[in-house]
Amino acid sequence: MKRTIILAATAALALTVPAGTGAQGQRAPRGISPAEARQGAAAHPQLLDEYGGSYGGPQDGYVARIGQRIAIQSGLPDAGSAIRVTLLNAPVNNAFAVPGGYVYVTRQLLALMNDEAELAAVLGHEVGHVAARHGASRSRASTFGTLGAVLVGVLTGSSAATQLAGQAAQLVTLRYSRSQEYESDDLGVRYLAGAGYDPAAMGRVLASLAAQGALDARLAGRPAQQLPSFASTHPDPGSRVARALSRARQYPAAGREQGRDAFLAALDGMVYGDDPRQGVIDGQAFLHPELRLAFRAPPGFQLTNGTRAVSIAGPGGQAQFAGAPFAGDLQAYVERVFAGLSQNGRIAAGGWRRGRVNGLETLSATARAAGQQGALDVSVTAYAFAPDRAYHVLTIVPAGQGIGPFLPLIDSVRRLSAEEAARIPVREIDIVTVRPGDTPQRLAQNMAFDDARLDRFLVLNGLAANAVLRPGDRVKLVVYRR
């Protein structure tokens, strides 16, 4: 979550693994048109803003180099310079491409991979989308939303806007048809083989994505088949993995590069999960060391941190913690928030209440609105952090409940002391060498989590439940930065 907070992005499995133009020998794809170049250039800064910017470490250059190597296989004119690859500083598993040759992969997805060939597979899939011009044929729907747009959907019944509540940052990856996803997988496999990589890497990375998605769903208490990463138009994960592995068998396997050592070396020390510059979720707590603020979600509610906001969802309602420009007038601040929730800017708020929470001046109001499933209470509680800084909690619950289950959250908003901010934990990837006697169970005890340590270790390293580690192997751990 940045200093200006508007909309949360979900941490869901969202690989768009696109690819290109079909069978070997097909004519070279057309180059990127000036119109597509302009479209991509206009979207690029928005995407950087939505996904926390580029990562900024040595991994940036490494990912870009692999992207250029794989892009050359696409046959696009001047592919080496026409394709621009960015490693995004986002704690979600995602990769996508937009018209104009802009390709993106998040550091969280990079951490899930296990060798350079898998990185090349993901990038090849996205380059394939560009080469096959899938972006030109899919829906032109906006890929971004604001908190106002989300709530316009909730209040007016606009299904398109309502979908933004959970998937705004991933819409760019959910608009391809099943045939386009298959085509991109095929092209990615072909590009892998052409670049000298192991073509089976496409199947491996898809399998890891499916395993991570299933684990995330289980930990969140939701059915795996409801993951937003595999929309209704997409092939199911199992079929996609089997198909990619089948396509890989069409190419000779001998001498193919995997690049595991170089990949793991590049990964060592990379931030995992939330970047403290955007705030950290620690159990039910959200902690932001730079903004020096904290709050807690009620029991049973799930926090989702985005580059611009935090969303809170659970039984009985949904909420977002956000911030906006502030000139010292809390009432004007709250009125602007309500004005942004309706297309005509006319939500009548009432029940104004002033107070103090943990030493912070507050002002709250509630409005009644019509939702898809009936009347709703929409409330805004604003906090004056400084003369030029304010934040607010916006809650949506069934009519008649006011702020419903969110009173504990609203009462928990507070400033962090300098000492507390300095103690906020940061997770990172640590590459370790297996020693004699090491087992997955033993190494998993070092994982910086309170739950499912073994499951997380196995998925992170692409290992089966019965995996046997060999001394000298190198594996990934997620540890707390010292």
Protein backbone atom coordinates (compact mmCIF):
# COMPACT_ATOMS: atom_id res chain seq x y z
CA MET A 1 0.00 0.00 0.00
CA LYS A 2 1.53 3.28 -1.08
CA ARG A 3 1.19 6.66 0.58
CA THR A 4 -1.86 7.37 -1.55
CA ILE A 5 -4.31 4.51 -1.11
CA ILE A 6 -7.29 3.77 -3.32
CA LEU A 7 -7.81 0.17 -4.44
CA ALA A 8 -6.54 -3.21 -3.28
CA ALA A 9 -5.31 -5.87 -5.67
CA THR A 10 -6.03 -9.50 -4.90
CA ALA A 11 -3.24 -12.00 -4.24
CA ALA A 12 -4.48 -14.67 -6.56
CA LEU A 13 -3.02 -17.05 -9.07
CA ALA A 14 -3.24 -15.10 -12.30
CA LEU A 15 -0.73 -16.31 -14.86
CA THR A 16 -1.82 -15.34 -18.34
CA VAL A 17 0.85 -17.52 -19.76
CA PRO A 18 0.15 -16.40 -23.36
CA ALA A 19 1.81 -17.63 -26.57
CA GLY A 20 1.83 -16.93 -30.23
CA THR A 21 1.07 -18.02 -33.70
CA GLY A 22 0.65 -21.74 -34.02
CA ALA A 23 2.67 -24.44 -35.70
CA GLN A 24 6.25 -24.41 -36.83
CA GLY A 25 6.85 -22.90 -40.20
CA GLN A 26 4.00 -20.42 -40.00
CA ARG A 27 4.74 -16.99 -41.47
CA ALA A 28 6.37 -14.45 -39.18
CA PRO A 29 3.93 -12.34 -37.16
CA ARG A 30 3.30 -8.73 -38.03
CA GLY A 31 5.25 -6.13 -36.14
CA ILE A 32 3.82 -3.97 -33.38
CA SER A 33 1.78 -1.17 -34.91
CA PRO A 34 2.24 2.49 -33.93
CA ALA A 35 -1.25 2.46 -32.39
CA GLU A 36 -0.38 -0.57 -30.23
CA ALA A 37 2.90 1.05 -29.21
CA ARG A 38 1.03 4.15 -28.08
CA GLN A 39 -1.53 2.06 -26.20
CA GLY A 40 1.17 0.12 -24.37
CA ALA A 41 3.17 3.24 -23.57
CA ALA A 42 0.07 4.86 -22.07
CA ALA A 43 -0.79 1.78 -19.98
CA HIS A 44 2.75 1.14 -18.75
CA PRO A 45 2.95 3.83 -16.03
CA GLN A 46 -0.53 2.88 -14.80
CA LEU A 47 0.48 -0.76 -14.54
CA LEU A 48 3.67 0.18 -12.68
CA ASP A 49 1.61 2.21 -10.26
CA GLU A 50 -0.97 -0.54 -9.78
CA TYR A 51 1.66 -3.23 -9.18
CA GLY A 52 4.11 -1.38 -6.95
CA GLY A 53 6.57 -0.33 -9.64
CA SER A 54 9.52 -2.31 -10.89
CA TYR A 55 11.34 -4.36 -8.26
CA GLY A 56 14.58 -2.46 -8.58
CA GLY A 57 17.05 -5.19 -7.60
CA PRO A 58 19.54 -7.12 -9.74
CA GLN A 59 16.67 -9.44 -10.59
CA ASP A 60 15.29 -6.72 -12.90
CA GLY A 61 18.15 -7.03 -15.36
CA TYR A 62 18.19 -10.81 -15.16
CA VAL A 63 14.49 -11.13 -16.02
CA ALA A 64 14.82 -8.60 -18.84
CA ARG A 65 17.74 -10.55 -20.37
CA ILE A 66 15.78 -13.81 -20.37
CA GLY A 67 12.84 -11.96 -21.87
CA GLN A 68 14.95 -10.67 -24.75
CA ARG A 69 16.38 -14.14 -25.37
CA ILE A 70 12.93 -15.68 -25.61
CA ALA A 71 11.38 -12.77 -27.53
CA ILE A 72 13.76 -13.31 -30.44
CA GLN A 73 12.10 -16.69 -31.01
CA SER A 74 8.75 -15.04 -31.70
CA GLY A 75 9.68 -13.84 -35.17
CA LEU A 76 8.47 -10.32 -34.38
CA PRO A 77 10.45 -7.68 -36.27
CA ASP A 78 13.08 -6.17 -33.98
CA ALA A 79 11.82 -8.38 -31.16
CA GLY A 80 14.93 -7.70 -29.09
CA SER A 81 13.94 -4.06 -28.71
CA ALA A 82 10.19 -4.25 -29.36
CA ILE A 83 9.49 -6.46 -26.32
CA ARG A 84 9.92 -4.68 -22.96
CA VAL A 85 9.96 -6.93 -19.91
CA THR A 86 9.38 -5.60 -16.38
CA LEU A 87 9.70 -7.38 -13.04
CA LEU A 88 6.94 -5.93 -10.85
CA ASN A 89 7.30 -5.43 -7.11
CA ALA A 90 4.00 -7.14 -6.30
CA PRO A 91 3.19 -9.95 -3.82
CA VAL A 92 0.78 -11.71 -6.20
CA ASN A 93 1.37 -14.59 -8.60
CA ASN A 94 0.82 -12.91 -11.94
CA ALA A 95 2.23 -12.40 -15.40
CA PHE A 96 0.61 -10.59 -18.31
CA ALA A 97 1.21 -8.68 -21.52
CA VAL A 98 -0.45 -5.64 -23.02
CA PRO A 99 -0.47 -4.43 -26.64
CA GLY A 100 2.68 -2.62 -27.64
CA GLY A 101 5.08 -5.35 -26.55
CA TYR A 102 4.98 -4.71 -22.79
CA VAL A 103 5.39 -7.91 -20.77
CA TYR A 104 5.23 -8.15 -16.98
CA VAL A 105 5.97 -10.75 -14.32
CA THR A 106 5.68 -10.27 -10.56
CA ARG A 107 8.42 -11.09 -8.10
CA GLN A 108 6.02 -13.40 -6.23
CA LEU A 109 5.57 -15.51 -9.34
CA LEU A 110 9.33 -15.41 -9.93
CA ALA A 111 9.81 -16.87 -6.44
CA LEU A 112 7.49 -19.76 -7.31
CA MET A 113 9.63 -20.77 -10.29
CA ASN A 114 12.55 -23.17 -9.91
CA ASP A 115 14.81 -22.56 -12.87
CA GLU A 116 15.53 -20.23 -15.75
CA ALA A 117 13.62 -22.40 -18.21
CA GLU A 118 10.43 -21.90 -16.20
CA LEU A 119 10.96 -18.14 -16.28
CA ALA A 120 11.48 -18.36 -20.03
CA ALA A 121 8.26 -20.40 -20.30
CA VAL A 122 6.20 -17.74 -18.55
CA LEU A 123 7.74 -14.94 -20.59
CA GLY A 124 7.36 -16.99 -23.76
CA HIS A 125 3.68 -17.44 -23.06
CA GLU A 126 3.24 -13.68 -22.67
CA VAL A 127 5.35 -12.88 -25.74
CA GLY A 128 3.14 -15.34 -27.58
CA HIS A 129 0.08 -13.26 -26.70
CA VAL A 130 1.82 -10.25 -28.23
CA ALA A 131 2.96 -12.10 -31.33
CA ALA A 132 -0.46 -13.66 -31.90
CA ARG A 133 -2.10 -10.25 -31.42
CA HIS A 134 -4.51 -11.64 -28.87
CA GLY A 135 -4.82 -8.23 -27.28
CA ALA A 136 -6.33 -6.83 -30.46
CA SER A 137 -9.16 -9.36 -30.48
CA ARG A 138 -10.14 -9.49 -26.82
CA SER A 139 -12.51 -7.19 -24.98
CA ARG A 140 -11.39 -3.59 -24.60
CA ALA A 141 -12.73 -3.35 -21.06
CA SER A 142 -10.78 -1.17 -18.67
CA THR A 143 -8.12 -3.03 -16.71
CA PHE A 144 -8.21 -0.66 -13.76
CA GLY A 145 -10.78 0.45 -11.26
CA THR A 146 -10.98 2.85 -8.39
CA LEU A 147 -12.65 2.31 -5.07
CA GLY A 148 -15.47 4.45 -6.42
CA ALA A 149 -15.89 2.21 -9.44
CA VAL A 150 -15.99 -0.86 -7.24
CA LEU A 151 -18.70 0.56 -5.06
CA VAL A 152 -20.67 1.89 -8.01
CA GLY A 153 -20.96 -1.76 -8.94
CA VAL A 154 -22.02 -2.80 -5.47
CA LEU A 155 -24.55 0.00 -5.19
CA THR A 156 -25.99 -0.01 -8.70
CA GLY A 157 -25.71 -3.67 -9.65
CA SER A 158 -23.16 -3.13 -12.43
CA SER A 159 -21.61 -6.57 -12.78
CA ALA A 160 -18.58 -5.24 -14.64
CA ALA A 161 -17.73 -2.84 -11.85
CA THR A 162 -18.51 -5.33 -9.12
CA GLN A 163 -15.94 -7.74 -10.55
CA LEU A 164 -13.29 -5.13 -9.90
CA ALA A 165 -13.69 -5.68 -6.18
CA GLY A 166 -11.69 -8.88 -6.35
CA GLN A 167 -9.94 -8.86 -9.69
CA ALA A 168 -9.20 -5.31 -10.84
CA ALA A 169 -5.48 -5.77 -11.04
CA GLN A 170 -5.80 -9.09 -12.86
CA LEU A 171 -8.40 -8.23 -15.49
CA VAL A 172 -5.67 -7.98 -18.09
CA THR A 173 -5.09 -11.70 -17.62
CA LEU A 174 -8.66 -12.92 -17.57
CA ARG A 175 -9.92 -11.82 -20.96
CA TYR A 176 -8.28 -14.38 -23.23
CA SER A 177 -10.31 -17.20 -24.69
CA ARG A 178 -9.55 -20.85 -24.09
CA SER A 179 -8.16 -21.25 -27.61
CA GLN A 180 -5.93 -18.21 -27.14
CA GLU A 181 -4.51 -19.59 -23.89
CA TYR A 182 -3.80 -22.92 -25.57
CA GLU A 183 -2.19 -21.15 -28.51
CA SER A 184 0.01 -19.14 -26.15
CA ASP A 185 1.04 -22.28 -24.28
CA ASP A 186 1.99 -23.90 -27.60
CA LEU A 187 3.95 -20.87 -28.71
CA GLY A 188 5.73 -20.68 -25.38
CA VAL A 189 6.80 -24.32 -25.71
CA ARG A 190 8.03 -23.62 -29.23
CA TYR A 191 9.98 -20.56 -28.12
CA LEU A 192 11.56 -22.57 -25.30
CA ALA A 193 12.81 -25.21 -27.70
CA GLY A 194 14.07 -22.59 -30.16
CA ALA A 195 16.02 -20.80 -27.43
CA GLY A 196 17.63 -24.03 -26.23
CA TYR A 197 15.58 -24.41 -23.04
CA ASP A 198 13.84 -27.51 -21.75
CA PRO A 199 10.36 -27.28 -23.36
CA ALA A 200 8.85 -29.28 -20.48
CA ALA A 201 9.35 -26.18 -18.30
CA MET A 202 5.96 -24.87 -19.44
CA GLY A 203 4.21 -27.86 -17.92
CA ARG A 204 6.26 -27.60 -14.72
CA VAL A 205 5.50 -23.95 -14.08
CA LEU A 206 1.81 -24.47 -14.80
CA ALA A 207 1.80 -27.34 -12.32
CA SER A 208 3.43 -25.13 -9.68
CA LEU A 209 0.83 -22.45 -10.30
CA ALA A 210 -1.98 -24.94 -9.89
CA ALA A 211 -0.43 -26.29 -6.67
CA GLN A 212 0.03 -22.78 -5.25
CA GLY A 213 -3.52 -21.88 -6.17
CA ALA A 214 -4.89 -24.96 -4.46
CA LEU A 215 -2.82 -24.25 -1.35
CA ASP A 216 -3.93 -20.62 -1.24
CA ALA A 217 -7.55 -21.69 -1.59
CA ARG A 218 -7.25 -24.23 1.21
CA LEU A 219 -5.56 -21.77 3.56
CA ALA A 220 -8.27 -19.21 2.81
CA GLY A 221 -11.02 -21.78 3.34
CA ARG A 222 -12.44 -21.60 -0.17
CA PRO A 223 -12.86 -24.27 -2.87
CA ALA A 224 -9.90 -24.43 -5.23
CA GLN A 225 -12.16 -24.39 -8.28
CA GLN A 226 -13.32 -20.89 -7.38
CA LEU A 227 -9.88 -19.33 -7.81
CA PRO A 228 -10.14 -16.22 -9.98
CA SER A 229 -6.94 -17.15 -11.76
CA PHE A 230 -8.71 -19.69 -13.88
CA ALA A 231 -11.74 -17.92 -15.27
CA SER A 232 -14.59 -19.79 -16.90
CA THR A 233 -13.09 -19.34 -20.36
CA HIS A 234 -9.77 -20.85 -19.32
CA PRO A 235 -8.70 -24.50 -19.50
CA ASP A 236 -8.62 -26.21 -16.14
CA PRO A 237 -5.13 -26.45 -14.62
CA GLY A 238 -4.78 -30.23 -14.93
CA SER A 239 -5.67 -30.28 -18.61
CA ARG A 240 -3.37 -27.40 -19.32
CA VAL A 241 -0.40 -29.05 -17.61
CA ALA A 242 -0.93 -32.34 -19.43
CA ARG A 243 -1.31 -30.57 -22.77
CA ALA A 244 1.86 -28.51 -22.30
CA LEU A 245 3.88 -31.60 -21.38
CA SER A 246 2.51 -33.40 -24.42
CA ARG A 247 3.55 -30.54 -26.69
CA ALA A 248 7.02 -30.54 -25.13
CA ARG A 249 7.54 -34.17 -26.14
CA GLN A 250 7.48 -33.09 -29.79
CA TYR A 251 10.94 -31.56 -29.33
CA PRO A 252 14.23 -33.35 -28.60
CA ALA A 253 14.97 -33.27 -24.88
CA ALA A 254 18.70 -34.00 -24.96
CA GLY A 255 20.97 -31.13 -24.06
CA ARG A 256 18.19 -28.75 -23.16
CA GLU A 257 19.05 -25.99 -20.70
CA GLN A 258 17.30 -25.49 -17.38
CA GLY A 259 19.55 -22.86 -15.82
CA ARG A 260 18.74 -23.74 -12.22
CA ASP A 261 21.99 -22.52 -10.65
CA ALA A 262 21.90 -19.09 -12.29
CA PHE A 263 18.23 -18.71 -11.49
CA LEU A 264 18.56 -19.58 -7.81
CA ALA A 265 21.55 -17.25 -7.49
CA ALA A 266 19.44 -14.40 -8.88
CA LEU A 267 16.58 -15.23 -6.52
CA ASP A 268 18.63 -15.30 -3.31
CA GLY A 269 17.70 -12.46 -0.95
CA MET A 270 14.66 -11.25 -2.91
CA VAL A 271 11.72 -9.95 -0.87
CA TYR A 272 8.91 -12.49 -0.52
CA GLY A 273 5.32 -11.52 0.17
CA ASP A 274 4.57 -8.00 1.29
CA ASP A 275 7.19 -5.33 0.74
CA PRO A 276 7.36 -3.22 3.93
CA ARG A 277 7.35 -0.11 1.76
CA GLN A 278 3.78 -1.07 0.86
CA GLY A 279 2.78 -2.39 4.27
CA VAL A 280 2.81 -5.88 5.74
CA ILE A 281 0.00 -8.27 6.65
CA ASP A 282 0.87 -10.21 9.81
CA GLY A 283 -1.99 -12.51 10.71
CA GLN A 284 -5.04 -10.28 11.24
CA ALA A 285 -2.92 -7.13 11.51
CA PHE A 286 -1.89 -4.65 8.83
CA LEU A 287 1.32 -2.77 9.65
CA HIS A 288 2.92 0.00 7.60
CA PRO A 289 6.36 1.09 8.83
CA GLU A 290 6.68 4.10 6.51
CA LEU A 291 3.19 5.46 7.11
CA ARG A 292 3.53 4.49 10.78
CA LEU A 293 0.00 3.09 11.00
CA ALA A 294 -1.64 -0.17 11.99
CA PHE A 295 -5.05 -1.81 12.31
CA ARG A 296 -6.52 -5.27 12.81
CA ALA A 297 -9.20 -7.12 10.86
CA PRO A 298 -11.96 -8.84 12.83
CA PRO A 299 -11.62 -12.60 13.38
CA GLY A 300 -12.73 -14.54 10.31
CA PHE A 301 -11.99 -11.68 7.90
CA GLN A 302 -9.27 -11.79 5.26
CA LEU A 303 -6.88 -8.92 4.55
CA THR A 304 -5.65 -8.31 1.00
CA ASN A 305 -2.86 -5.79 0.53
CA GLY A 306 -2.49 -3.93 -2.74
CA THR A 307 -0.16 -1.21 -3.89
CA ARG A 308 -2.84 1.41 -3.21
CA ALA A 309 -5.15 0.03 -0.57
CA VAL A 310 -6.06 -2.79 1.78
CA SER A 311 -9.33 -4.66 1.39
CA ILE A 312 -11.02 -6.60 4.16
CA ALA A 313 -13.66 -9.23 3.42
CA GLY A 314 -15.48 -11.82 5.43
CA PRO A 315 -18.85 -12.91 6.82
CA GLY A 316 -21.25 -10.02 7.05
CA GLY A 317 -19.55 -7.39 4.93
CA GLN A 318 -16.57 -5.93 3.16
CA ALA A 319 -14.37 -2.93 3.81
CA GLN A 320 -11.38 -1.03 2.50
CA PHE A 321 -8.75 1.04 4.24
CA ALA A 322 -7.67 3.92 2.05
CA GLY A 323 -6.33 7.43 1.95
CA ALA A 324 -6.90 10.57 -0.07
CA PRO A 325 -5.84 14.24 -0.20
CA PHE A 326 -6.56 16.09 3.03
CA ALA A 327 -6.52 19.79 3.83
CA GLY A 328 -7.46 19.65 7.49
CA ASP A 329 -11.26 19.43 7.10
CA LEU A 330 -12.51 15.92 7.95
CA GLN A 331 -16.09 16.64 6.88
CA ALA A 332 -14.98 17.77 3.42
CA TYR A 333 -12.80 14.65 3.27
CA VAL A 334 -15.69 12.30 4.10
CA GLU A 335 -18.02 14.07 1.67
CA ARG A 336 -15.47 13.59 -1.13
CA VAL A 337 -15.26 9.89 -0.36
CA PHE A 338 -19.04 9.53 -0.60
CA ALA A 339 -19.14 11.63 -3.77
CA GLY A 340 -16.72 9.20 -5.38
CA LEU A 341 -18.96 6.22 -4.72
CA SER A 342 -21.75 7.15 -7.11
CA GLN A 343 -21.73 7.92 -10.79
CA ASN A 344 -23.76 11.07 -10.15
CA GLY A 345 -21.94 11.93 -6.92
CA ARG A 346 -25.18 12.08 -4.92
CA ILE A 347 -25.10 9.74 -1.96
CA ALA A 348 -26.78 11.42 1.00
CA ALA A 349 -24.78 10.66 4.14
CA GLY A 350 -26.14 11.22 7.62
CA GLY A 351 -25.64 10.32 11.23
CA TRP A 352 -22.44 12.34 11.43
CA ARG A 353 -20.38 11.36 14.48
CA ARG A 354 -17.18 12.93 15.75
CA GLY A 355 -14.90 11.16 18.15
CA ARG A 356 -11.39 10.00 18.95
CA VAL A 357 -9.79 6.59 18.41
CA ASN A 358 -6.39 5.88 19.94
CA GLY A 359 -5.66 9.60 20.11
CA LEU A 360 -6.78 10.27 16.50
CA GLU A 361 -9.59 12.69 15.68
CA THR A 362 -12.32 10.85 13.73
CA LEU A 363 -15.46 11.67 11.80
CA SER A 364 -17.91 9.08 10.48
CA ALA A 365 -21.16 9.03 8.53
CA THR A 366 -23.47 6.41 7.02
CA ALA A 367 -25.59 6.30 3.87
CA ARG A 368 -28.30 3.88 2.76
CA ALA A 369 -27.86 2.53 -0.76
CA ALA A 370 -29.43 -0.06 -3.03
CA GLY A 371 -27.28 -3.09 -3.76
CA GLN A 372 -27.72 -6.13 -5.97
CA GLN A 373 -28.98 -8.24 -3.09
CA GLY A 374 -30.92 -5.53 -1.28
CA ALA A 375 -30.38 -2.37 0.72
CA LEU A 376 -26.94 -1.67 2.17
CA ASP A 377 -25.39 0.53 4.83
CA VAL A 378 -22.29 2.28 3.49
CA SER A 379 -20.19 3.99 6.16
CA VAL A 380 -17.03 6.06 6.07
CA THR A 381 -14.87 6.64 9.14
CA ALA A 382 -12.03 9.12 8.59
CA TYR A 383 -8.94 9.62 10.76
CA ALA A 384 -6.81 12.77 10.92
CA PHE A 385 -3.23 11.52 11.10
CA ALA A 386 -1.58 14.90 10.46
CA PRO A 387 -2.59 18.33 9.14
CA ASP A 388 -2.01 17.07 5.60
CA ARG A 389 -2.66 13.35 6.02
CA ALA A 390 -5.88 11.42 6.60
CA TYR A 391 -7.08 7.85 6.07
CA HIS A 392 -10.48 6.22 6.16
CA VAL A 393 -12.25 2.91 6.56
CA LEU A 394 -15.15 2.36 4.20
CA THR A 395 -17.55 -0.44 5.15
CA ILE A 396 -20.45 -2.10 3.32
CA VAL A 397 -22.91 -4.25 5.29
CA PRO A 398 -26.59 -5.22 4.98
CA ALA A 399 -29.00 -2.39 5.77
CA GLY A 400 -29.77 -1.77 9.41
CA GLN A 401 -26.36 -2.88 10.71
CA GLY A 402 -24.46 0.41 10.51
CA ILE A 403 -20.83 -0.71 10.56
CA GLY A 404 -21.81 -4.27 11.47
CA PRO A 405 -18.83 -6.48 12.32
CA PHE A 406 -16.25 -3.76 11.60
CA LEU A 407 -16.33 -1.91 14.93
CA PRO A 408 -13.19 -3.76 16.19
CA LEU A 409 -11.34 -2.77 13.00
CA ILE A 410 -12.42 0.88 13.25
CA ASP A 411 -11.39 1.03 16.90
CA SER A 412 -8.00 -0.56 16.16
CA VAL A 413 -6.62 2.08 13.79
CA ARG A 414 -3.59 3.66 15.45
CA ARG A 415 -0.17 5.19 14.98
CA LEU A 416 2.90 2.98 15.21
CA SER A 417 5.85 4.06 17.33
CA ALA A 418 9.28 4.23 15.72
CA GLU A 419 10.30 1.15 17.70
CA GLU A 420 7.26 -0.82 16.54
CA ALA A 421 7.85 0.18 12.92
CA ALA A 422 11.46 -0.96 13.12
CA ARG A 423 10.39 -4.40 14.37
CA ILE A 424 7.99 -5.19 11.51
CA PRO A 425 9.15 -8.49 9.96
CA VAL A 426 10.27 -8.75 6.36
CA ARG A 427 10.36 -12.10 4.54
CA GLU A 428 12.90 -12.98 1.87
CA ILE A 429 14.03 -15.93 -0.24
CA ASP A 430 17.01 -17.82 1.14
CA ILE A 431 18.76 -20.41 -1.04
CA VAL A 432 20.22 -23.20 1.08
CA THR A 433 22.23 -26.31 0.28
CA VAL A 434 20.82 -29.64 1.43
CA ARG A 435 23.02 -31.37 3.98
CA PRO A 436 23.15 -35.06 4.85
CA GLY A 437 20.07 -35.98 6.88
CA ASP A 438 18.02 -33.03 5.68
CA THR A 439 14.42 -33.80 4.78
CA PRO A 440 11.58 -31.60 3.55
CA GLN A 441 10.05 -31.85 7.02
CA ARG A 442 13.25 -30.67 8.70
CA LEU A 443 13.94 -27.80 6.31
CA ALA A 444 10.30 -26.69 6.36
CA GLN A 445 10.67 -25.85 10.05
CA ASN A 446 12.74 -22.84 8.93
CA MET A 447 9.90 -21.40 6.87
CA ALA A 448 8.79 -17.98 8.21
CA PHE A 449 5.15 -18.92 8.64
CA ASP A 450 2.97 -20.06 11.50
CA ASP A 451 0.98 -22.55 9.45
CA ALA A 452 1.36 -25.11 6.65
CA ARG A 453 5.15 -24.88 6.67
CA LEU A 454 5.72 -28.22 4.96
CA ASP A 455 3.04 -27.60 2.34
CA ARG A 456 4.48 -24.17 1.60
CA PHE A 457 7.99 -25.59 1.30
CA LEU A 458 6.90 -28.33 -1.10
CA VAL A 459 4.92 -25.99 -3.35
CA LEU A 460 7.65 -23.35 -3.33
CA ASN A 461 10.18 -25.91 -4.54
CA GLY A 462 7.91 -27.84 -6.90
CA LEU A 463 8.29 -31.02 -4.85
CA ALA A 464 5.96 -33.97 -4.36
CA ALA A 465 4.82 -35.00 -0.89
CA ASN A 466 7.16 -38.02 -0.97
CA ALA A 467 10.18 -36.09 -2.29
CA VAL A 468 13.63 -37.21 -1.15
CA LEU A 469 16.32 -34.53 -0.98
CA ARG A 470 19.92 -35.26 -1.97
CA PRO A 471 22.90 -33.69 -0.20
CA GLY A 472 24.27 -30.91 -2.37
CA ASP A 473 20.89 -29.97 -3.84
CA ARG A 474 19.82 -26.37 -3.39
CA VAL A 475 16.33 -25.43 -2.31
CA LYS A 476 14.37 -22.28 -1.50
CA LEU A 477 13.25 -21.21 1.95
CA VAL A 478 11.23 -18.19 3.01
CA VAL A 479 12.90 -16.71 6.09
CA TYR A 480 12.71 -13.51 8.11
CA ARG A 481 15.30 -10.95 7.11
CA ARG A 482 17.87 -10.49 9.86
